[in-house]
Amino acid sequence: MMYPFMTLEDKTEVVHSEVYDSDGAETVKVYFEKPVYGGFHSAECYLPSYEWRNIDGFSPEEIEIFQEYLQSVAHIVIRLAREGGFDNAANF
C-alpha cells in the first residue's frame, strides 16, 4: 500500500510505502510521479539507503533536488511508514 506524503510545487506527487523488511533491513519505498504531456515522469527511492531505481523522465538535476529534499524529511517519512501514513499517525 502506498500513502500520500506531499505534492511539490512543480506538481510532483510524493508517496511512500509501509515499512517492510528487505534482507533484514527496515526499508521504505518513496515514489515520485510528475504529470507531463503524454504521461508521467517517475522515480523510486528506497530509504534509508537512498538507492534510486526506475528513473523515467527525470533529469539528474531533478533527482539531486529530490535527494536533498528526502534527506531533510526522511525521518518523517520513515515514522509515517511505520504508523500507516498521515491518517493513522498518532500524536505526530
Protein backbone atom coordinates (compact mmCIF):
# COMPACT_ATOMS: atom_id res chain seq x y z
CA MET A 1 0.00 0.00 0.00
CA MET A 2 1.23 3.49 -0.82
CA TYR A 3 0.43 6.54 1.30
CA PRO A 4 0.34 10.17 0.11
CA PHE A 5 3.04 12.37 1.60
CA MET A 6 3.25 15.63 -0.32
CA THR A 7 2.66 17.42 -3.60
CA LEU A 8 5.65 19.53 -4.54
CA GLU A 9 5.49 22.98 -6.13
CA ASP A 10 6.00 21.55 -9.64
CA LYS A 11 3.04 19.13 -9.15
CA THR A 12 5.28 16.13 -8.39
CA GLU A 13 3.41 13.73 -6.12
CA VAL A 14 5.40 12.04 -3.36
CA VAL A 15 4.04 8.84 -1.83
CA HIS A 16 5.58 6.17 0.39
CA SER A 17 5.09 2.54 1.28
CA GLU A 18 4.71 0.95 4.67
CA VAL A 19 7.92 -0.21 6.30
CA TYR A 20 8.94 -3.64 5.04
CA ASP A 21 11.87 -5.98 5.53
CA SER A 22 14.47 -6.12 2.77
CA ASP A 23 17.26 -8.58 3.54
CA GLY A 24 16.88 -7.93 7.26
CA ALA A 25 16.79 -4.15 6.96
CA GLU A 26 13.82 -1.87 7.58
CA THR A 27 13.02 -0.27 4.20
CA VAL A 28 10.58 2.32 2.86
CA LYS A 29 9.91 2.90 -0.85
CA VAL A 30 9.35 6.55 -1.77
CA TYR A 31 7.79 7.13 -5.19
CA PHE A 32 7.89 10.40 -7.15
CA GLU A 33 5.49 10.98 -10.04
CA LYS A 34 5.03 14.14 -12.09
CA PRO A 35 2.37 14.56 -14.78
CA VAL A 36 3.77 15.69 -18.12
CA TYR A 37 2.26 15.96 -21.56
CA GLY A 38 1.64 12.40 -22.74
CA GLY A 39 2.25 10.66 -19.42
CA PHE A 40 4.35 10.87 -16.30
CA HIS A 41 7.92 11.16 -15.11
CA SER A 42 8.61 8.81 -12.22
CA ALA A 43 11.32 7.55 -9.88
CA GLU A 44 11.67 5.37 -6.81
CA CYS A 45 13.99 5.91 -3.85
CA TYR A 46 14.49 3.38 -1.07
CA LEU A 47 15.14 4.60 2.46
CA PRO A 48 17.29 4.58 4.47
CA SER A 49 19.89 3.65 1.81
CA TYR A 50 18.76 6.38 -0.66
CA GLU A 51 19.02 3.88 -3.51
CA TRP A 52 17.34 5.25 -6.66
CA ARG A 53 15.67 2.89 -9.14
CA ASN A 54 13.38 3.04 -12.15
CA ILE A 55 14.07 6.67 -13.01
CA ASP A 56 11.96 7.59 -16.02
CA GLY A 57 11.98 11.12 -17.43
CA PHE A 58 13.57 12.99 -14.51
CA SER A 59 16.94 14.64 -15.15
CA PRO A 60 19.98 14.03 -12.93
CA GLU A 61 19.50 17.58 -11.61
CA GLU A 62 15.90 16.83 -10.61
CA ILE A 63 16.98 13.62 -8.86
CA GLU A 64 19.62 15.62 -6.98
CA ILE A 65 16.92 18.04 -5.79
CA PHE A 66 14.70 15.11 -4.73
CA GLN A 67 17.67 13.56 -2.91
CA GLU A 68 18.24 16.77 -0.93
CA TYR A 69 14.53 17.01 -0.18
CA LEU A 70 14.38 13.40 1.02
CA GLN A 71 17.42 13.86 3.24
CA SER A 72 15.56 16.65 5.02
CA VAL A 73 12.30 14.69 5.54
CA ALA A 74 13.38 11.02 5.62
CA HIS A 75 12.89 10.77 9.38
CA ILE A 76 9.27 11.91 8.95
CA VAL A 77 8.61 9.56 6.02
CA ILE A 78 10.03 6.57 7.92
CA ARG A 79 7.98 7.36 11.01
CA LEU A 80 4.80 7.73 8.95
CA ALA A 81 5.59 4.48 7.12
CA ARG A 82 5.79 2.71 10.48
CA GLU A 83 2.42 4.14 11.52
CA GLY A 84 0.49 3.66 8.26
CA GLY A 85 0.63 7.15 6.77
CA PHE A 86 -0.68 10.53 7.92
CA ASP A 87 -4.21 9.28 8.60
CA ASN A 88 -3.00 6.67 11.09
CA ALA A 89 -0.18 8.63 12.71
CA ALA A 90 -0.97 9.19 16.37
CA ASN A 91 0.29 12.31 18.13
CA PHE A 92 2.69 13.16 15.35
